[in-house]
N, C-alpha and C. Protein backbone atom coordinates (compact mmCIF):
# COMPACT_ATOMS: atom_id res chain seq x y z
N MET A 1 26.77 -76.13 -70.59
CA MET A 1 27.51 -77.19 -69.92
C MET A 1 28.27 -77.96 -70.99
N ASP A 2 29.57 -78.10 -70.80
CA ASP A 2 30.35 -78.84 -71.79
C ASP A 2 30.19 -80.35 -71.56
N ASP A 3 30.59 -81.14 -72.54
CA ASP A 3 30.40 -82.58 -72.51
C ASP A 3 31.12 -83.25 -71.34
N GLU A 4 32.31 -82.74 -70.99
CA GLU A 4 33.08 -83.32 -69.89
C GLU A 4 32.34 -83.13 -68.56
N ASP A 5 31.85 -81.90 -68.32
CA ASP A 5 31.07 -81.64 -67.10
C ASP A 5 29.80 -82.48 -67.07
N ARG A 6 29.09 -82.52 -68.19
CA ARG A 6 27.83 -83.27 -68.25
C ARG A 6 28.06 -84.75 -67.94
N SER A 7 29.10 -85.33 -68.51
CA SER A 7 29.40 -86.74 -68.30
C SER A 7 29.71 -87.02 -66.83
N MET A 8 30.57 -86.20 -66.23
CA MET A 8 30.97 -86.41 -64.84
C MET A 8 29.79 -86.18 -63.90
N LEU A 9 29.06 -85.10 -64.09
CA LEU A 9 27.93 -84.78 -63.20
C LEU A 9 26.80 -85.82 -63.34
N THR A 10 26.59 -86.32 -64.54
CA THR A 10 25.58 -87.36 -64.75
C THR A 10 25.97 -88.64 -64.01
N ARG A 11 27.23 -89.01 -64.06
CA ARG A 11 27.69 -90.21 -63.33
C ARG A 11 27.49 -90.05 -61.83
N VAL A 12 27.81 -88.88 -61.30
CA VAL A 12 27.63 -88.64 -59.86
C VAL A 12 26.15 -88.74 -59.49
N ALA A 13 25.27 -88.14 -60.29
CA ALA A 13 23.83 -88.19 -60.01
C ALA A 13 23.31 -89.62 -60.08
N ASP A 14 23.75 -90.38 -61.07
CA ASP A 14 23.32 -91.78 -61.20
C ASP A 14 23.81 -92.60 -60.01
N TYR A 15 24.99 -92.31 -59.52
CA TYR A 15 25.50 -93.01 -58.34
C TYR A 15 24.69 -92.64 -57.10
N GLN A 16 24.39 -91.37 -56.95
CA GLN A 16 23.72 -90.89 -55.74
C GLN A 16 22.25 -91.27 -55.69
N TRP A 17 21.51 -91.14 -56.81
CA TRP A 17 20.07 -91.39 -56.81
C TRP A 17 19.64 -92.57 -57.65
N GLY A 18 20.55 -93.20 -58.33
CA GLY A 18 20.19 -94.37 -59.14
C GLY A 18 20.08 -94.04 -60.62
N ARG A 19 19.91 -95.12 -61.35
CA ARG A 19 19.85 -95.04 -62.81
C ARG A 19 18.85 -93.99 -63.28
N ASP A 20 19.22 -93.24 -64.30
CA ASP A 20 18.42 -92.21 -64.96
C ASP A 20 18.33 -90.90 -64.20
N ALA A 21 18.92 -90.80 -63.02
CA ALA A 21 18.88 -89.54 -62.27
C ALA A 21 19.65 -88.44 -63.00
N GLY A 22 20.80 -88.78 -63.57
CA GLY A 22 21.59 -87.80 -64.29
C GLY A 22 20.85 -87.26 -65.51
N ALA A 23 20.19 -88.14 -66.24
CA ALA A 23 19.41 -87.69 -67.39
C ALA A 23 18.25 -86.81 -66.95
N ALA A 24 17.61 -87.15 -65.83
CA ALA A 24 16.50 -86.36 -65.33
C ALA A 24 16.97 -84.96 -64.93
N LEU A 25 18.11 -84.88 -64.27
CA LEU A 25 18.61 -83.59 -63.81
C LEU A 25 19.19 -82.73 -64.91
N PHE A 26 20.00 -83.32 -65.78
CA PHE A 26 20.79 -82.53 -66.71
C PHE A 26 20.41 -82.72 -68.17
N GLY A 27 19.36 -83.50 -68.45
CA GLY A 27 19.00 -83.81 -69.82
C GLY A 27 18.26 -82.70 -70.54
N GLY A 28 17.49 -81.89 -69.82
CA GLY A 28 16.70 -80.86 -70.47
C GLY A 28 17.42 -79.53 -70.54
N GLY A 29 17.45 -78.95 -71.72
CA GLY A 29 18.08 -77.64 -71.88
C GLY A 29 19.59 -77.71 -71.75
N ASP A 30 20.18 -76.58 -71.49
CA ASP A 30 21.64 -76.51 -71.34
C ASP A 30 21.96 -75.78 -70.04
N PRO A 31 22.00 -76.51 -68.92
CA PRO A 31 22.28 -75.86 -67.64
C PRO A 31 23.66 -75.21 -67.61
N GLU A 32 23.79 -74.19 -66.79
CA GLU A 32 25.06 -73.49 -66.60
C GLU A 32 25.77 -74.10 -65.40
N VAL A 33 27.07 -74.34 -65.53
CA VAL A 33 27.87 -74.88 -64.44
C VAL A 33 28.85 -73.81 -63.99
N THR A 34 28.81 -73.49 -62.69
CA THR A 34 29.83 -72.60 -62.14
C THR A 34 30.94 -73.47 -61.59
N HIS A 35 32.14 -72.94 -61.56
CA HIS A 35 33.31 -73.69 -61.12
C HIS A 35 34.03 -72.95 -60.00
N THR A 36 34.73 -73.70 -59.17
CA THR A 36 35.59 -73.11 -58.15
C THR A 36 36.84 -72.55 -58.83
N SER A 37 37.66 -71.87 -58.08
CA SER A 37 38.90 -71.32 -58.66
C SER A 37 39.84 -72.41 -59.16
N SER A 38 39.69 -73.63 -58.63
CA SER A 38 40.53 -74.74 -59.08
C SER A 38 39.95 -75.47 -60.30
N GLY A 39 38.76 -75.04 -60.75
CA GLY A 39 38.14 -75.64 -61.93
C GLY A 39 37.14 -76.74 -61.63
N ARG A 40 36.93 -77.04 -60.35
CA ARG A 40 35.98 -78.07 -59.95
C ARG A 40 34.55 -77.54 -60.08
N PRO A 41 33.61 -78.33 -60.63
CA PRO A 41 32.22 -77.86 -60.71
C PRO A 41 31.68 -77.53 -59.32
N ARG A 42 30.86 -76.47 -59.23
CA ARG A 42 30.32 -76.06 -57.94
C ARG A 42 28.79 -76.09 -57.94
N GLN A 43 28.18 -75.29 -58.81
CA GLN A 43 26.72 -75.26 -58.88
C GLN A 43 26.26 -75.50 -60.31
N VAL A 44 25.08 -76.12 -60.43
CA VAL A 44 24.47 -76.30 -61.74
C VAL A 44 23.15 -75.54 -61.70
N LEU A 45 23.03 -74.55 -62.58
CA LEU A 45 21.89 -73.66 -62.61
C LEU A 45 21.16 -73.79 -63.95
N ALA A 46 19.85 -73.68 -63.89
CA ALA A 46 19.03 -73.72 -65.10
C ALA A 46 18.06 -72.55 -65.05
N ASP A 47 17.29 -72.38 -66.10
CA ASP A 47 16.31 -71.29 -66.15
C ASP A 47 15.31 -71.37 -64.99
N ASP A 48 15.00 -72.60 -64.56
CA ASP A 48 14.01 -72.76 -63.48
C ASP A 48 14.63 -72.71 -62.09
N GLY A 49 15.94 -72.46 -61.96
CA GLY A 49 16.58 -72.31 -60.66
C GLY A 49 17.78 -73.22 -60.48
N ARG A 50 18.26 -73.28 -59.23
CA ARG A 50 19.43 -74.12 -58.91
C ARG A 50 19.02 -75.58 -58.93
N LEU A 51 19.74 -76.37 -59.72
CA LEU A 51 19.47 -77.80 -59.78
C LEU A 51 20.18 -78.50 -58.63
N VAL A 52 21.50 -78.34 -58.58
CA VAL A 52 22.30 -78.98 -57.53
C VAL A 52 23.53 -78.13 -57.23
N THR A 53 24.09 -78.39 -56.07
CA THR A 53 25.41 -77.90 -55.72
C THR A 53 26.28 -79.13 -55.50
N TYR A 54 27.46 -79.12 -56.09
CA TYR A 54 28.39 -80.24 -55.95
C TYR A 54 29.25 -79.95 -54.72
N ALA A 55 28.97 -80.65 -53.64
CA ALA A 55 29.64 -80.40 -52.36
C ALA A 55 31.06 -80.96 -52.34
N THR A 56 31.82 -80.54 -51.35
CA THR A 56 33.22 -80.98 -51.25
C THR A 56 33.33 -82.46 -50.92
N ASP A 57 32.25 -83.09 -50.44
CA ASP A 57 32.30 -84.53 -50.15
C ASP A 57 32.02 -85.39 -51.38
N GLY A 58 31.83 -84.74 -52.54
CA GLY A 58 31.61 -85.48 -53.78
C GLY A 58 30.16 -85.85 -54.03
N ARG A 59 29.25 -85.32 -53.22
CA ARG A 59 27.82 -85.58 -53.40
C ARG A 59 27.11 -84.27 -53.71
N PHE A 60 25.91 -84.40 -54.27
CA PHE A 60 25.10 -83.23 -54.58
C PHE A 60 24.19 -82.86 -53.43
N THR A 61 23.92 -81.57 -53.29
CA THR A 61 22.79 -81.11 -52.50
C THR A 61 21.79 -80.55 -53.51
N LEU A 62 20.53 -80.87 -53.30
CA LEU A 62 19.49 -80.50 -54.25
C LEU A 62 18.97 -79.09 -54.04
N GLY A 63 18.60 -78.45 -55.14
CA GLY A 63 17.77 -77.25 -55.13
C GLY A 63 16.35 -77.70 -55.47
N VAL A 64 15.38 -76.84 -55.23
CA VAL A 64 13.99 -77.21 -55.52
C VAL A 64 13.80 -77.53 -57.00
N ALA A 65 14.44 -76.76 -57.88
CA ALA A 65 14.33 -77.04 -59.31
C ALA A 65 14.88 -78.43 -59.65
N GLY A 66 15.99 -78.81 -59.03
CA GLY A 66 16.54 -80.15 -59.23
C GLY A 66 15.62 -81.21 -58.66
N GLY A 67 15.01 -80.92 -57.52
CA GLY A 67 14.06 -81.85 -56.92
C GLY A 67 12.87 -82.10 -57.84
N ARG A 68 12.39 -81.05 -58.46
CA ARG A 68 11.26 -81.21 -59.40
C ARG A 68 11.68 -82.05 -60.61
N ARG A 69 12.89 -81.83 -61.09
CA ARG A 69 13.35 -82.62 -62.23
C ARG A 69 13.50 -84.10 -61.85
N LEU A 70 14.04 -84.36 -60.66
CA LEU A 70 14.14 -85.76 -60.21
C LEU A 70 12.76 -86.36 -60.03
N HIS A 71 11.84 -85.60 -59.47
CA HIS A 71 10.48 -86.07 -59.27
C HIS A 71 9.84 -86.48 -60.59
N ASP A 72 10.02 -85.64 -61.60
CA ASP A 72 9.44 -85.93 -62.92
C ASP A 72 10.17 -87.07 -63.62
N GLY A 73 11.49 -87.16 -63.44
CA GLY A 73 12.28 -88.15 -64.15
C GLY A 73 12.36 -89.52 -63.51
N LEU A 74 12.15 -89.58 -62.19
CA LEU A 74 12.20 -90.86 -61.47
C LEU A 74 10.80 -91.16 -60.94
N SER A 75 9.97 -91.68 -61.80
CA SER A 75 8.56 -91.87 -61.46
C SER A 75 8.31 -93.05 -60.52
N ASP A 76 9.36 -93.76 -60.13
CA ASP A 76 9.18 -94.95 -59.29
C ASP A 76 9.15 -94.64 -57.79
N GLY A 77 9.20 -93.38 -57.40
CA GLY A 77 9.08 -93.03 -55.99
C GLY A 77 10.37 -93.03 -55.20
N ARG A 78 11.50 -93.16 -55.89
CA ARG A 78 12.79 -93.18 -55.19
C ARG A 78 13.05 -91.84 -54.49
N TYR A 79 13.61 -91.93 -53.30
CA TYR A 79 14.08 -90.78 -52.52
C TYR A 79 12.97 -89.78 -52.22
N ARG A 80 11.76 -90.28 -52.03
CA ARG A 80 10.64 -89.40 -51.70
C ARG A 80 10.14 -89.65 -50.28
N VAL A 81 9.83 -88.54 -49.62
CA VAL A 81 9.18 -88.55 -48.32
C VAL A 81 7.86 -87.82 -48.52
N VAL A 82 6.75 -88.47 -48.20
CA VAL A 82 5.42 -87.93 -48.49
C VAL A 82 4.77 -87.45 -47.20
N VAL A 83 4.25 -86.22 -47.25
CA VAL A 83 3.52 -85.65 -46.11
C VAL A 83 2.14 -85.19 -46.59
N GLY A 84 1.27 -84.92 -45.62
CA GLY A 84 -0.10 -84.50 -45.94
C GLY A 84 -0.33 -83.01 -45.75
N ASP A 85 -1.61 -82.64 -45.74
CA ASP A 85 -2.02 -81.24 -45.63
C ASP A 85 -1.52 -80.56 -44.37
N GLU A 86 -1.45 -81.29 -43.27
CA GLU A 86 -1.07 -80.70 -41.99
C GLU A 86 0.35 -80.12 -42.04
N SER A 87 1.24 -80.76 -42.75
CA SER A 87 2.64 -80.32 -42.82
C SER A 87 2.94 -79.39 -43.97
N GLU A 88 2.10 -79.38 -44.99
CA GLU A 88 2.41 -78.66 -46.22
C GLU A 88 2.87 -77.21 -46.00
N PRO A 89 2.13 -76.36 -45.30
CA PRO A 89 2.57 -74.96 -45.20
C PRO A 89 3.90 -74.80 -44.46
N PHE A 90 4.16 -75.66 -43.50
CA PHE A 90 5.40 -75.58 -42.73
C PHE A 90 6.59 -76.02 -43.57
N VAL A 91 6.41 -77.09 -44.33
CA VAL A 91 7.50 -77.60 -45.17
C VAL A 91 7.83 -76.60 -46.27
N ARG A 92 6.81 -76.02 -46.89
CA ARG A 92 7.05 -74.99 -47.91
C ARG A 92 7.83 -73.81 -47.33
N ASP A 93 7.61 -73.55 -46.04
CA ASP A 93 8.27 -72.44 -45.36
C ASP A 93 9.63 -72.85 -44.79
N GLU A 94 10.17 -73.97 -45.29
CA GLU A 94 11.49 -74.49 -44.94
C GLU A 94 11.60 -74.93 -43.48
N ARG A 95 10.50 -75.43 -42.95
CA ARG A 95 10.54 -76.05 -41.62
C ARG A 95 10.80 -77.53 -41.80
N ASN A 96 11.46 -78.14 -40.85
CA ASN A 96 11.83 -79.54 -40.95
C ASN A 96 10.61 -80.46 -40.89
N VAL A 97 10.77 -81.66 -41.44
CA VAL A 97 9.71 -82.67 -41.44
C VAL A 97 9.95 -83.59 -40.25
N PHE A 98 8.91 -83.82 -39.48
CA PHE A 98 9.00 -84.71 -38.32
C PHE A 98 8.31 -86.03 -38.64
N ALA A 99 8.85 -87.09 -38.07
CA ALA A 99 8.43 -88.45 -38.41
C ALA A 99 6.93 -88.66 -38.26
N LYS A 100 6.32 -88.08 -37.25
CA LYS A 100 4.90 -88.33 -37.02
C LYS A 100 4.00 -87.81 -38.14
N PHE A 101 4.54 -86.91 -38.99
CA PHE A 101 3.75 -86.37 -40.09
C PHE A 101 4.06 -87.02 -41.43
N VAL A 102 4.95 -88.01 -41.46
CA VAL A 102 5.31 -88.69 -42.70
C VAL A 102 4.25 -89.75 -43.02
N SER A 103 3.64 -89.64 -44.21
CA SER A 103 2.66 -90.63 -44.66
C SER A 103 3.36 -91.88 -45.15
N THR A 104 4.31 -91.69 -46.07
CA THR A 104 5.11 -92.79 -46.60
C THR A 104 6.51 -92.26 -46.91
N ALA A 105 7.45 -93.18 -46.99
CA ALA A 105 8.82 -92.82 -47.37
C ALA A 105 9.44 -94.01 -48.08
N ASP A 106 10.30 -93.72 -49.04
CA ASP A 106 11.03 -94.77 -49.74
C ASP A 106 11.83 -95.56 -48.71
N PRO A 107 11.60 -96.87 -48.62
CA PRO A 107 12.31 -97.67 -47.62
C PRO A 107 13.82 -97.76 -47.84
N GLU A 108 14.29 -97.37 -49.02
CA GLU A 108 15.73 -97.41 -49.32
C GLU A 108 16.47 -96.17 -48.83
N ILE A 109 15.75 -95.16 -48.35
CA ILE A 109 16.40 -93.94 -47.86
C ILE A 109 17.26 -94.28 -46.64
N ARG A 110 18.47 -93.72 -46.65
CA ARG A 110 19.39 -93.86 -45.51
C ARG A 110 19.63 -92.48 -44.92
N PRO A 111 19.92 -92.41 -43.63
CA PRO A 111 20.25 -91.10 -43.05
C PRO A 111 21.40 -90.45 -43.83
N GLY A 112 21.24 -89.17 -44.12
CA GLY A 112 22.24 -88.43 -44.88
C GLY A 112 21.92 -88.31 -46.36
N ASP A 113 20.98 -89.09 -46.87
CA ASP A 113 20.60 -89.00 -48.28
C ASP A 113 19.87 -87.70 -48.57
N GLU A 114 20.07 -87.17 -49.77
CA GLU A 114 19.30 -86.03 -50.25
C GLU A 114 17.95 -86.55 -50.72
N VAL A 115 16.86 -85.96 -50.24
CA VAL A 115 15.53 -86.47 -50.54
C VAL A 115 14.60 -85.36 -51.01
N LEU A 116 13.49 -85.78 -51.62
CA LEU A 116 12.41 -84.89 -52.03
C LEU A 116 11.29 -85.03 -51.02
N VAL A 117 10.74 -83.93 -50.58
CA VAL A 117 9.56 -83.97 -49.73
C VAL A 117 8.39 -83.59 -50.62
N THR A 118 7.45 -84.51 -50.76
CA THR A 118 6.30 -84.28 -51.64
C THR A 118 5.00 -84.34 -50.85
N HIS A 119 3.98 -83.72 -51.42
CA HIS A 119 2.64 -83.79 -50.84
C HIS A 119 1.98 -85.06 -51.35
N GLU A 120 0.97 -85.53 -50.64
CA GLU A 120 0.22 -86.71 -51.09
C GLU A 120 -0.35 -86.52 -52.49
N ARG A 121 -0.60 -85.26 -52.88
CA ARG A 121 -1.10 -84.96 -54.24
C ARG A 121 -0.02 -85.16 -55.30
N GLY A 122 1.27 -85.20 -54.88
CA GLY A 122 2.35 -85.46 -55.82
C GLY A 122 3.25 -84.29 -56.11
N GLU A 123 2.98 -83.10 -55.60
CA GLU A 123 3.85 -81.97 -55.90
C GLU A 123 5.03 -81.89 -54.93
N VAL A 124 6.14 -81.38 -55.42
CA VAL A 124 7.34 -81.22 -54.60
C VAL A 124 7.14 -80.01 -53.69
N LEU A 125 7.31 -80.24 -52.38
CA LEU A 125 7.19 -79.17 -51.40
C LEU A 125 8.54 -78.62 -50.97
N ALA A 126 9.56 -79.51 -50.94
CA ALA A 126 10.88 -79.11 -50.45
C ALA A 126 11.90 -80.19 -50.79
N VAL A 127 13.15 -79.84 -50.56
CA VAL A 127 14.25 -80.80 -50.66
C VAL A 127 15.08 -80.67 -49.40
N GLY A 128 15.75 -81.76 -49.03
CA GLY A 128 16.58 -81.71 -47.83
C GLY A 128 17.34 -83.00 -47.60
N ARG A 129 17.85 -83.13 -46.39
CA ARG A 129 18.68 -84.26 -46.00
C ARG A 129 17.93 -85.16 -45.03
N ALA A 130 17.88 -86.45 -45.34
CA ALA A 130 17.21 -87.41 -44.45
C ALA A 130 17.98 -87.52 -43.15
N GLU A 131 17.27 -87.49 -42.04
CA GLU A 131 17.87 -87.67 -40.72
C GLU A 131 17.59 -89.06 -40.18
N LEU A 132 16.59 -89.72 -40.74
CA LEU A 132 16.23 -91.09 -40.37
C LEU A 132 16.21 -91.94 -41.62
N SER A 133 16.21 -93.25 -41.45
CA SER A 133 16.03 -94.14 -42.59
C SER A 133 14.58 -94.04 -43.06
N GLY A 134 14.32 -94.47 -44.27
CA GLY A 134 12.95 -94.46 -44.79
C GLY A 134 12.02 -95.27 -43.92
N ALA A 135 12.46 -96.45 -43.46
CA ALA A 135 11.64 -97.29 -42.58
C ALA A 135 11.40 -96.59 -41.25
N GLY A 136 12.42 -95.93 -40.73
CA GLY A 136 12.28 -95.20 -39.47
C GLY A 136 11.29 -94.06 -39.57
N MET A 137 11.30 -93.36 -40.71
CA MET A 137 10.36 -92.26 -40.92
C MET A 137 8.93 -92.76 -40.85
N ALA A 138 8.70 -93.92 -41.45
CA ALA A 138 7.34 -94.47 -41.48
C ALA A 138 6.92 -95.05 -40.13
N ASP A 139 7.87 -95.53 -39.33
CA ASP A 139 7.55 -96.22 -38.08
C ASP A 139 7.56 -95.33 -36.85
N PHE A 140 8.45 -94.35 -36.80
CA PHE A 140 8.62 -93.57 -35.58
C PHE A 140 7.52 -92.53 -35.42
N GLU A 141 7.22 -92.21 -34.17
CA GLU A 141 6.23 -91.18 -33.85
C GLU A 141 6.90 -89.88 -33.40
N THR A 142 8.21 -89.92 -33.16
CA THR A 142 8.93 -88.73 -32.74
C THR A 142 10.23 -88.62 -33.53
N GLY A 143 10.80 -87.44 -33.51
CA GLY A 143 12.09 -87.22 -34.15
C GLY A 143 11.99 -86.54 -35.49
N MET A 144 13.08 -85.86 -35.86
CA MET A 144 13.15 -85.18 -37.14
C MET A 144 13.44 -86.20 -38.23
N ALA A 145 12.63 -86.19 -39.26
CA ALA A 145 12.79 -87.11 -40.38
C ALA A 145 13.65 -86.50 -41.48
N VAL A 146 13.41 -85.22 -41.81
CA VAL A 146 14.13 -84.56 -42.89
C VAL A 146 14.51 -83.15 -42.46
N PHE A 147 15.79 -82.83 -42.60
CA PHE A 147 16.27 -81.47 -42.43
C PHE A 147 16.00 -80.77 -43.75
N VAL A 148 15.04 -79.84 -43.77
CA VAL A 148 14.64 -79.16 -45.00
C VAL A 148 15.62 -78.05 -45.31
N ARG A 149 16.17 -78.09 -46.52
CA ARG A 149 17.13 -77.08 -46.95
C ARG A 149 16.45 -75.99 -47.76
N ASP A 150 15.59 -76.37 -48.70
CA ASP A 150 14.90 -75.41 -49.55
C ASP A 150 13.45 -75.82 -49.68
N GLY A 151 12.56 -74.87 -49.46
CA GLY A 151 11.14 -75.12 -49.62
C GLY A 151 10.61 -74.42 -50.85
N ALA A 152 9.56 -74.98 -51.43
CA ALA A 152 8.93 -74.41 -52.61
C ALA A 152 7.78 -73.53 -52.16
N GLU A 153 7.85 -72.23 -52.46
CA GLU A 153 6.79 -71.31 -52.05
C GLU A 153 5.43 -71.78 -52.55
N THR A 154 5.33 -71.94 -53.84
CA THR A 154 4.13 -72.50 -54.47
C THR A 154 4.62 -73.36 -55.61
N ASP A 155 3.79 -74.26 -56.11
CA ASP A 155 4.22 -75.11 -57.20
C ASP A 155 4.64 -74.26 -58.39
N GLY A 156 5.89 -74.47 -58.81
CA GLY A 156 6.42 -73.71 -59.94
C GLY A 156 7.38 -72.61 -59.54
N ASP A 157 7.46 -72.27 -58.26
CA ASP A 157 8.37 -71.23 -57.79
C ASP A 157 9.56 -71.85 -57.08
N ASP A 158 10.63 -71.09 -56.95
CA ASP A 158 11.81 -71.51 -56.16
C ASP A 158 11.96 -70.63 -54.99
């Protein structure tokens, strides 16, 4: 990744997930950036898998590897939706998270945000798009909380 790509992608990550998100995602190793035919960054890949895809709306969509890096780099619980044992196998299998199974969620989450779905033990189970606010996830008994895009087969796999 060249310095220009790293600088721009880090700014976008910091804007989307808050301070230090860019360093968490792109600080370790030297990720590979693929580009569109017009030269715009498209995907950021690392040895451990896809970190992010830079969507046409100017925001990132997370890969499981990127979710794990954010989880490790943002220890304050930002953008996390926590589920228990009952949901774990379904979420890993890329099934959506429903509000009634959410233990806790970052109250700052807004619908449309890219989020990490973690187990109460702390491991990343999946990444996806929030369909409810963080407060709504914690309060509601019905409805889809997170549209799961990528699930983690087992801890350490993509």
